[in-house]
Amino acid sequence: MSDTLPDRLSVNPESPFYNEDLLARGIGVRFKGVEKTNVEEYCISEGWVRVAVGKTVDRRGNPLTMKLSGPVEVWVKD
């Protein structure tokens, strides 16, 4: 598998941007110079990340998220 990362990736299996093989390898996300571990989705070209807000969930069991804008860096951990 190549190390080229998609422009957009999500951890939600229902999303069209979900990639199980890539997520199994481990993805690191740095947002505004700080490594984030609670990222649910990111988009490099548009410069945003969607992060989980605490442990709260919506009525479908998905975590509540907040969209933050800024520079995004992504890499494969393995």
PDB file of N, CA and C in Angstrom:
ATOM      1  N   MET A   1       0.847  -1.177   0.000  1.00  0.00           N
ATOM      2  CA  MET A   1       0.000   0.000   0.000  1.00  0.00           C
ATOM      3  C   MET A   1       0.891   1.238   0.000  1.00  0.00           C
ATOM      4  N   SER A   2       0.537   2.231  -0.781  1.00  0.00           N
ATOM      5  CA  SER A   2       1.337   3.450  -0.870  1.00  0.00           C
ATOM      6  C   SER A   2       1.069   4.356   0.325  1.00  0.00           C
ATOM      7  N   ASP A   3       1.965   5.298   0.534  1.00  0.00           N
ATOM      8  CA  ASP A   3       1.826   6.229   1.646  1.00  0.00           C
ATOM      9  C   ASP A   3       1.097   7.508   1.249  1.00  0.00           C
ATOM     10  N   THR A   4       0.464   7.541   0.083  1.00  0.00           N
ATOM     11  CA  THR A   4      -0.314   8.724  -0.291  1.00  0.00           C
ATOM     12  C   THR A   4      -1.616   8.720   0.492  1.00  0.00           C
ATOM     13  N   LEU A   5      -1.859   9.812   1.171  1.00  0.00           N
ATOM     14  CA  LEU A   5      -3.045   9.924   2.008  1.00  0.00           C
ATOM     15  C   LEU A   5      -4.146  10.663   1.266  1.00  0.00           C
ATOM     16  N   PRO A   6      -5.397  10.292   1.495  1.00  0.00           N
ATOM     17  CA  PRO A   6      -6.497  10.995   0.835  1.00  0.00           C
ATOM     18  C   PRO A   6      -6.636  12.412   1.378  1.00  0.00           C
ATOM     19  N   ASP A   7      -7.217  13.285   0.570  1.00  0.00           N
ATOM     20  CA  ASP A   7      -7.443  14.663   0.981  1.00  0.00           C
ATOM     21  C   ASP A   7      -8.442  14.725   2.133  1.00  0.00           C
ATOM     22  N   ARG A   8      -9.366  13.786   2.155  1.00  0.00           N
ATOM     23  CA  ARG A   8     -10.401  13.767   3.188  1.00  0.00           C
ATOM     24  C   ARG A   8     -10.580  12.339   3.688  1.00  0.00           C
ATOM     25  N   LEU A   9     -10.693  12.177   5.005  1.00  0.00           N
ATOM     26  CA  LEU A   9     -10.831  10.862   5.614  1.00  0.00           C
ATOM     27  C   LEU A   9     -11.728  10.964   6.832  1.00  0.00           C
ATOM     28  N   SER A  10     -12.562   9.940   7.014  1.00  0.00           N
ATOM     29  CA  SER A  10     -13.485   9.902   8.142  1.00  0.00           C
ATOM     30  C   SER A  10     -13.369   8.562   8.856  1.00  0.00           C
ATOM     31  N   VAL A  11     -13.645   8.547  10.171  1.00  0.00           N
ATOM     32  CA  VAL A  11     -13.630   7.304  10.932  1.00  0.00           C
ATOM     33  C   VAL A  11     -15.007   6.673  11.023  1.00  0.00           C
ATOM     34  N   ASN A  12     -16.024   7.347  10.488  1.00  0.00           N
ATOM     35  CA  ASN A  12     -17.403   6.845  10.503  1.00  0.00           C
ATOM     36  C   ASN A  12     -17.612   5.892   9.326  1.00  0.00           C
ATOM     37  N   PRO A  13     -17.938   4.612   9.575  1.00  0.00           N
ATOM     38  CA  PRO A  13     -18.124   3.643   8.485  1.00  0.00           C
ATOM     39  C   PRO A  13     -19.246   4.007   7.514  1.00  0.00           C
ATOM     40  N   GLU A  14     -20.181   4.844   7.900  1.00  0.00           N
ATOM     41  CA  GLU A  14     -21.276   5.237   7.017  1.00  0.00           C
ATOM     42  C   GLU A  14     -20.886   6.373   6.072  1.00  0.00           C
ATOM     43  N   SER A  15     -19.733   6.969   6.277  1.00  0.00           N
ATOM     44  CA  SER A  15     -19.280   8.091   5.451  1.00  0.00           C
ATOM     45  C   SER A  15     -18.676   7.591   4.135  1.00  0.00           C
ATOM     46  N   PRO A  16     -18.859   8.345   3.046  1.00  0.00           N
ATOM     47  CA  PRO A  16     -18.219   7.962   1.778  1.00  0.00           C
ATOM     48  C   PRO A  16     -16.697   8.153   1.813  1.00  0.00           C
ATOM     49  N   PHE A  17     -16.177   8.840   2.816  1.00  0.00           N
ATOM     50  CA  PHE A  17     -14.740   9.087   2.946  1.00  0.00           C
ATOM     51  C   PHE A  17     -14.066   8.118   3.915  1.00  0.00           C
ATOM     52  N   TYR A  18     -14.722   7.052   4.278  1.00  0.00           N
ATOM     53  CA  TYR A  18     -14.198   6.040   5.194  1.00  0.00           C
ATOM     54  C   TYR A  18     -13.269   5.086   4.441  1.00  0.00           C
ATOM     55  N   ASN A  19     -12.110   4.761   5.034  1.00  0.00           N
ATOM     56  CA  ASN A  19     -11.164   3.831   4.439  1.00  0.00           C
ATOM     57  C   ASN A  19     -10.601   2.947   5.558  1.00  0.00           C
ATOM     58  N   GLU A  20     -11.146   1.751   5.704  1.00  0.00           N
ATOM     59  CA  GLU A  20     -10.788   0.866   6.813  1.00  0.00           C
ATOM     60  C   GLU A  20      -9.315   0.445   6.774  1.00  0.00           C
ATOM     61  N   ASP A  21      -8.799   0.133   5.591  1.00  0.00           N
ATOM     62  CA  ASP A  21      -7.410  -0.316   5.479  1.00  0.00           C
ATOM     63  C   ASP A  21      -6.435   0.766   5.943  1.00  0.00           C
ATOM     64  N   LEU A  22      -6.684   1.993   5.554  1.00  0.00           N
ATOM     65  CA  LEU A  22      -5.809   3.095   5.930  1.00  0.00           C
ATOM     66  C   LEU A  22      -5.908   3.399   7.423  1.00  0.00           C
ATOM     67  N   LEU A  23      -7.103   3.347   7.973  1.00  0.00           N
ATOM     68  CA  LEU A  23      -7.280   3.609   9.399  1.00  0.00           C
ATOM     69  C   LEU A  23      -6.631   2.517  10.250  1.00  0.00           C
ATOM     70  N   ALA A  24      -6.595   1.287   9.749  1.00  0.00           N
ATOM     71  CA  ALA A  24      -5.969   0.190  10.485  1.00  0.00           C
ATOM     72  C   ALA A  24      -4.457   0.402  10.609  1.00  0.00           C
ATOM     73  N   ARG A  25      -3.867   1.068   9.639  1.00  0.00           N
ATOM     74  CA  ARG A  25      -2.433   1.354   9.682  1.00  0.00           C
ATOM     75  C   ARG A  25      -2.101   2.423  10.718  1.00  0.00           C
ATOM     76  N   GLY A  26      -3.043   3.296  10.995  1.00  0.00           N
ATOM     77  CA  GLY A  26      -2.827   4.371  11.967  1.00  0.00           C
ATOM     78  C   GLY A  26      -2.527   5.686  11.272  1.00  0.00           C
ATOM     79  N   ILE A  27      -3.310   6.697  11.564  1.00  0.00           N
ATOM     80  CA  ILE A  27      -3.160   8.015  10.969  1.00  0.00           C
ATOM     81  C   ILE A  27      -2.913   9.025  12.076  1.00  0.00           C
ATOM     82  N   GLY A  28      -1.904   9.857  11.898  1.00  0.00           N
ATOM     83  CA  GLY A  28      -1.634  10.945  12.825  1.00  0.00           C
ATOM     84  C   GLY A  28      -2.126  12.245  12.229  1.00  0.00           C
ATOM     85  N   VAL A  29      -2.728  13.094  13.060  1.00  0.00           N
ATOM     86  CA  VAL A  29      -3.253  14.376  12.591  1.00  0.00           C
ATOM     87  C   VAL A  29      -2.702  15.478  13.487  1.00  0.00           C
ATOM     88  N   ARG A  30      -2.089  16.476  12.856  1.00  0.00           N
ATOM     89  CA  ARG A  30      -1.610  17.651  13.580  1.00  0.00           C
ATOM     90  C   ARG A  30      -2.433  18.841  13.093  1.00  0.00           C
ATOM     91  N   PHE A  31      -3.082  19.531  14.023  1.00  0.00           N
ATOM     92  CA  PHE A  31      -3.924  20.681  13.710  1.00  0.00           C
ATOM     93  C   PHE A  31      -3.364  21.900  14.413  1.00  0.00           C
ATOM     94  N   LYS A  32      -2.996  22.905  13.649  1.00  0.00           N
ATOM     95  CA  LYS A  32      -2.383  24.139  14.168  1.00  0.00           C
ATOM     96  C   LYS A  32      -1.159  23.825  15.021  1.00  0.00           C
ATOM     97  N   GLY A  33      -0.376  22.824  14.593  1.00  0.00           N
ATOM     98  CA  GLY A  33       0.864  22.487  15.284  1.00  0.00           C
ATOM     99  C   GLY A  33       0.712  21.576  16.489  1.00  0.00           C
ATOM    100  N   VAL A  34      -0.513  21.163  16.814  1.00  0.00           N
ATOM    101  CA  VAL A  34      -0.759  20.298  17.974  1.00  0.00           C
ATOM    102  C   VAL A  34      -1.336  18.974  17.487  1.00  0.00           C
ATOM    103  N   GLU A  35      -0.739  17.861  17.943  1.00  0.00           N
ATOM    104  CA  GLU A  35      -1.246  16.547  17.543  1.00  0.00           C
ATOM    105  C   GLU A  35      -2.572  16.271  18.241  1.00  0.00           C
ATOM    106  N   LYS A  36      -3.575  15.900  17.453  1.00  0.00           N
ATOM    107  CA  LYS A  36      -4.915  15.627  17.974  1.00  0.00           C
ATOM    108  C   LYS A  36      -5.197  14.130  17.921  1.00  0.00           C
ATOM    109  N   THR A  37      -5.844  13.605  18.958  1.00  0.00           N
ATOM    110  CA  THR A  37      -6.196  12.187  19.001  1.00  0.00           C
ATOM    111  C   THR A  37      -7.700  11.961  18.905  1.00  0.00           C
ATOM    112  N   ASN A  38      -8.491  13.031  18.928  1.00  0.00           N
ATOM    113  CA  ASN A  38      -9.949  12.891  18.914  1.00  0.00           C
ATOM    114  C   ASN A  38     -10.566  13.358  17.591  1.00  0.00           C
ATOM    115  N   VAL A  39      -9.831  13.254  16.495  1.00  0.00           N
ATOM    116  CA  VAL A  39     -10.315  13.703  15.195  1.00  0.00           C
ATOM    117  C   VAL A  39     -11.237  12.645  14.593  1.00  0.00           C
ATOM    118  N   GLU A  40     -12.442  13.048  14.218  1.00  0.00           N
ATOM    119  CA  GLU A  40     -13.410  12.160  13.591  1.00  0.00           C
ATOM    120  C   GLU A  40     -13.307  12.228  12.066  1.00  0.00           C
ATOM    121  N   GLU A  41     -12.941  13.384  11.524  1.00  0.00           N
ATOM    122  CA  GLU A  41     -12.841  13.574  10.080  1.00  0.00           C
ATOM    123  C   GLU A  41     -11.919  14.760   9.823  1.00  0.00           C
ATOM    124  N   TYR A  42     -11.216  14.739   8.681  1.00  0.00           N
ATOM    125  CA  TYR A  42     -10.379  15.876   8.318  1.00  0.00           C
ATOM    126  C   TYR A  42     -10.464  16.128   6.820  1.00  0.00           C
ATOM    127  N   CYS A  43     -10.116  17.339   6.407  1.00  0.00           N
ATOM    128  CA  CYS A  43      -9.995  17.703   4.996  1.00  0.00           C
ATOM    129  C   CYS A  43      -8.791  18.629   4.881  1.00  0.00           C
ATOM    130  N   ILE A  44      -7.761  18.178   4.180  1.00  0.00           N
ATOM    131  CA  ILE A  44      -6.523  18.940   4.060  1.00  0.00           C
ATOM    132  C   ILE A  44      -6.723  20.166   3.171  1.00  0.00           C
ATOM    133  N   SER A  45      -7.344  19.999   1.999  1.00  0.00           N
ATOM    134  CA  SER A  45      -7.466  21.099   1.045  1.00  0.00           C
ATOM    135  C   SER A  45      -8.339  22.241   1.574  1.00  0.00           C
ATOM    136  N   GLU A  46      -9.383  21.919   2.316  1.00  0.00           N
ATOM    137  CA  GLU A  46     -10.256  22.955   2.862  1.00  0.00           C
ATOM    138  C   GLU A  46      -9.765  23.460   4.211  1.00  0.00           C
ATOM    139  N   GLY A  47      -8.814  22.758   4.843  1.00  0.00           N
ATOM    140  CA  GLY A  47      -8.207  23.198   6.097  1.00  0.00           C
ATOM    141  C   GLY A  47      -9.127  23.130   7.296  1.00  0.00           C
ATOM    142  N   TRP A  48      -9.710  21.958   7.548  1.00  0.00           N
ATOM    143  CA  TRP A  48     -10.544  21.791   8.731  1.00  0.00           C
ATOM    144  C   TRP A  48     -10.453  20.375   9.268  1.00  0.00           C
ATOM    145  N   VAL A  49     -10.773  20.250  10.551  1.00  0.00           N
ATOM    146  CA  VAL A  49     -10.914  18.951  11.211  1.00  0.00           C
ATOM    147  C   VAL A  49     -12.231  18.959  11.965  1.00  0.00           C
ATOM    148  N   ARG A  50     -12.799  17.787  12.124  1.00  0.00           N
ATOM    149  CA  ARG A  50     -14.019  17.625  12.912  1.00  0.00           C
ATOM    150  C   ARG A  50     -13.623  16.770  14.112  1.00  0.00           C
ATOM    151  N   VAL A  51     -13.720  17.350  15.318  1.00  0.00           N
ATOM    152  CA  VAL A  51     -13.288  16.665  16.538  1.00  0.00           C
ATOM    153  C   VAL A  51     -14.480  16.333  17.419  1.00  0.00           C
ATOM    154  N   ALA A  52     -14.346  15.242  18.165  1.00  0.00           N
ATOM    155  CA  ALA A  52     -15.388  14.824  19.099  1.00  0.00           C
ATOM    156  C   ALA A  52     -15.420  15.789  20.283  1.00  0.00           C
ATOM    157  N   VAL A  53     -16.624  16.083  20.747  1.00  0.00           N
ATOM    158  CA  VAL A  53     -16.813  16.986  21.882  1.00  0.00           C
ATOM    159  C   VAL A  53     -17.154  16.136  23.097  1.00  0.00           C
ATOM    160  N   GLY A  54     -16.168  15.856  23.903  1.00  0.00           N
ATOM    161  CA  GLY A  54     -16.384  15.055  25.104  1.00  0.00           C
ATOM    162  C   GLY A  54     -16.866  13.654  24.785  1.00  0.00           C
ATOM    163  N   LYS A  55     -17.703  13.112  25.656  1.00  0.00           N
ATOM    164  CA  LYS A  55     -18.238  11.767  25.463  1.00  0.00           C
ATOM    165  C   LYS A  55     -19.706  11.790  25.082  1.00  0.00           C
ATOM    166  N   THR A  56     -20.230  12.959  24.755  1.00  0.00           N
ATOM    167  CA  THR A  56     -21.637  13.068  24.391  1.00  0.00           C
ATOM    168  C   THR A  56     -21.887  12.476  23.011  1.00  0.00           C
ATOM    169  N   VAL A  57     -23.053  11.873  22.848  1.00  0.00           N
ATOM    170  CA  VAL A  57     -23.432  11.255  21.589  1.00  0.00           C
ATOM    171  C   VAL A  57     -24.806  11.746  21.166  1.00  0.00           C
ATOM    172  N   ASP A  58     -25.076  11.662  19.866  1.00  0.00           N
ATOM    173  CA  ASP A  58     -26.399  12.030  19.381  1.00  0.00           C
ATOM    174  C   ASP A  58     -27.350  10.853  19.535  1.00  0.00           C
ATOM    175  N   ARG A  59     -28.568  10.998  19.060  1.00  0.00           N
ATOM    176  CA  ARG A  59     -29.578   9.946  19.254  1.00  0.00           C
ATOM    177  C   ARG A  59     -29.277   8.676  18.480  1.00  0.00           C
ATOM    178  N   ARG A  60     -28.367   8.729  17.513  1.00  0.00           N
ATOM    179  CA  ARG A  60     -27.969   7.535  16.755  1.00  0.00           C
ATOM    180  C   ARG A  60     -26.703   6.876  17.320  1.00  0.00           C
ATOM    181  N   GLY A  61     -26.154   7.450  18.376  1.00  0.00           N
ATOM    182  CA  GLY A  61     -24.975   6.885  19.004  1.00  0.00           C
ATOM    183  C   GLY A  61     -23.661   7.412  18.458  1.00  0.00           C
ATOM    184  N   ASN A  62     -23.712   8.360  17.525  1.00  0.00           N
ATOM    185  CA  ASN A  62     -22.499   8.965  16.976  1.00  0.00           C
ATOM    186  C   ASN A  62     -22.032  10.096  17.885  1.00  0.00           C
ATOM    187  N   PRO A  63     -20.722  10.300  18.003  1.00  0.00           N
ATOM    188  CA  PRO A  63     -20.240  11.382  18.867  1.00  0.00           C
ATOM    189  C   PRO A  63     -20.609  12.750  18.306  1.00  0.00           C
ATOM    190  N   LEU A  64     -20.915  13.683  19.202  1.00  0.00           N
ATOM    191  CA  LEU A  64     -21.141  15.061  18.777  1.00  0.00           C
ATOM    192  C   LEU A  64     -19.790  15.648  18.395  1.00  0.00           C
ATOM    193  N   THR A  65     -19.767  16.409  17.311  1.00  0.00           N
ATOM    194  CA  THR A  65     -18.499  16.931  16.804  1.00  0.00           C
ATOM    195  C   THR A  65     -18.568  18.438  16.613  1.00  0.00           C
ATOM    196  N   MET A  66     -17.371  19.032  16.536  1.00  0.00           N
ATOM    197  CA  MET A  66     -17.221  20.448  16.280  1.00  0.00           C
ATOM    198  C   MET A  66     -16.203  20.606  15.155  1.00  0.00           C
ATOM    199  N   LYS A  67     -16.505  21.469  14.187  1.00  0.00           N
ATOM    200  CA  LYS A  67     -15.627  21.694  13.047  1.00  0.00           C
ATOM    201  C   LYS A  67     -14.703  22.865  13.355  1.00  0.00           C
ATOM    202  N   LEU A  68     -13.384  22.625  13.266  1.00  0.00           N
ATOM    203  CA  LEU A  68     -12.381  23.654  13.531  1.00  0.00           C
ATOM    204  C   LEU A  68     -11.610  23.921  12.249  1.00  0.00           C
ATOM    205  N   SER A  69     -11.333  25.188  11.959  1.00  0.00           N
ATOM    206  CA  SER A  69     -10.612  25.564  10.749  1.00  0.00           C
ATOM    207  C   SER A  69      -9.179  25.961  11.074  1.00  0.00           C
ATOM    208  N   GLY A  70      -8.259  25.571  10.193  1.00  0.00           N
ATOM    209  CA  GLY A  70      -6.852  25.901  10.360  1.00  0.00           C
ATOM    210  C   GLY A  70      -5.992  24.932   9.574  1.00  0.00           C
ATOM    211  N   PRO A  71      -4.674  25.092   9.646  1.00  0.00           N
ATOM    212  CA  PRO A  71      -3.771  24.207   8.896  1.00  0.00           C
ATOM    213  C   PRO A  71      -3.791  22.775   9.447  1.00  0.00           C
ATOM    214  N   VAL A  72      -3.863  21.795   8.532  1.00  0.00           N
ATOM    215  CA  VAL A  72      -3.942  20.384   8.900  1.00  0.00           C
ATOM    216  C   VAL A  72      -2.766  19.646   8.288  1.00  0.00           C
ATOM    217  N   GLU A  73      -2.061  18.838   9.091  1.00  0.00           N
ATOM    218  CA  GLU A  73      -0.988  17.965   8.617  1.00  0.00           C
ATOM    219  C   GLU A  73      -1.367  16.542   8.973  1.00  0.00           C
ATOM    220  N   VAL A  74      -1.134  15.605   8.040  1.00  0.00           N
ATOM    221  CA  VAL A  74      -1.521  14.210   8.247  1.00  0.00           C
ATOM    222  C   VAL A  74      -0.368  13.305   7.844  1.00  0.00           C
ATOM    223  N   TRP A  75      -0.167  12.189   8.587  1.00  0.00           N
ATOM    224  CA  TRP A  75       0.866  11.229   8.264  1.00  0.00           C
ATOM    225  C   TRP A  75       0.428   9.832   8.698  1.00  0.00           C
ATOM    226  N   VAL A  76       1.097   8.824   8.140  1.00  0.00           N
ATOM    227  CA  VAL A  76       0.842   7.432   8.518  1.00  0.00           C
ATOM    228  C   VAL A  76       1.766   7.105   9.672  1.00  0.00           C
ATOM    229  N   LYS A  77       1.229   6.533  10.742  1.00  0.00           N
ATOM    230  CA  LYS A  77       2.022   6.275  11.950  1.00  0.00           C
ATOM    231  C   LYS A  77       2.975   5.090  11.836  1.00  0.00           C
ATOM    232  N   ASP A  78       2.624   4.053  11.060  1.00  0.00           N
ATOM    233  CA  ASP A  78       3.490   2.867  11.040  1.00  0.00           C
ATOM    234  C   ASP A  78       4.713   3.020  10.174  1.00  0.00           C
TER     235      ASP A  78
END
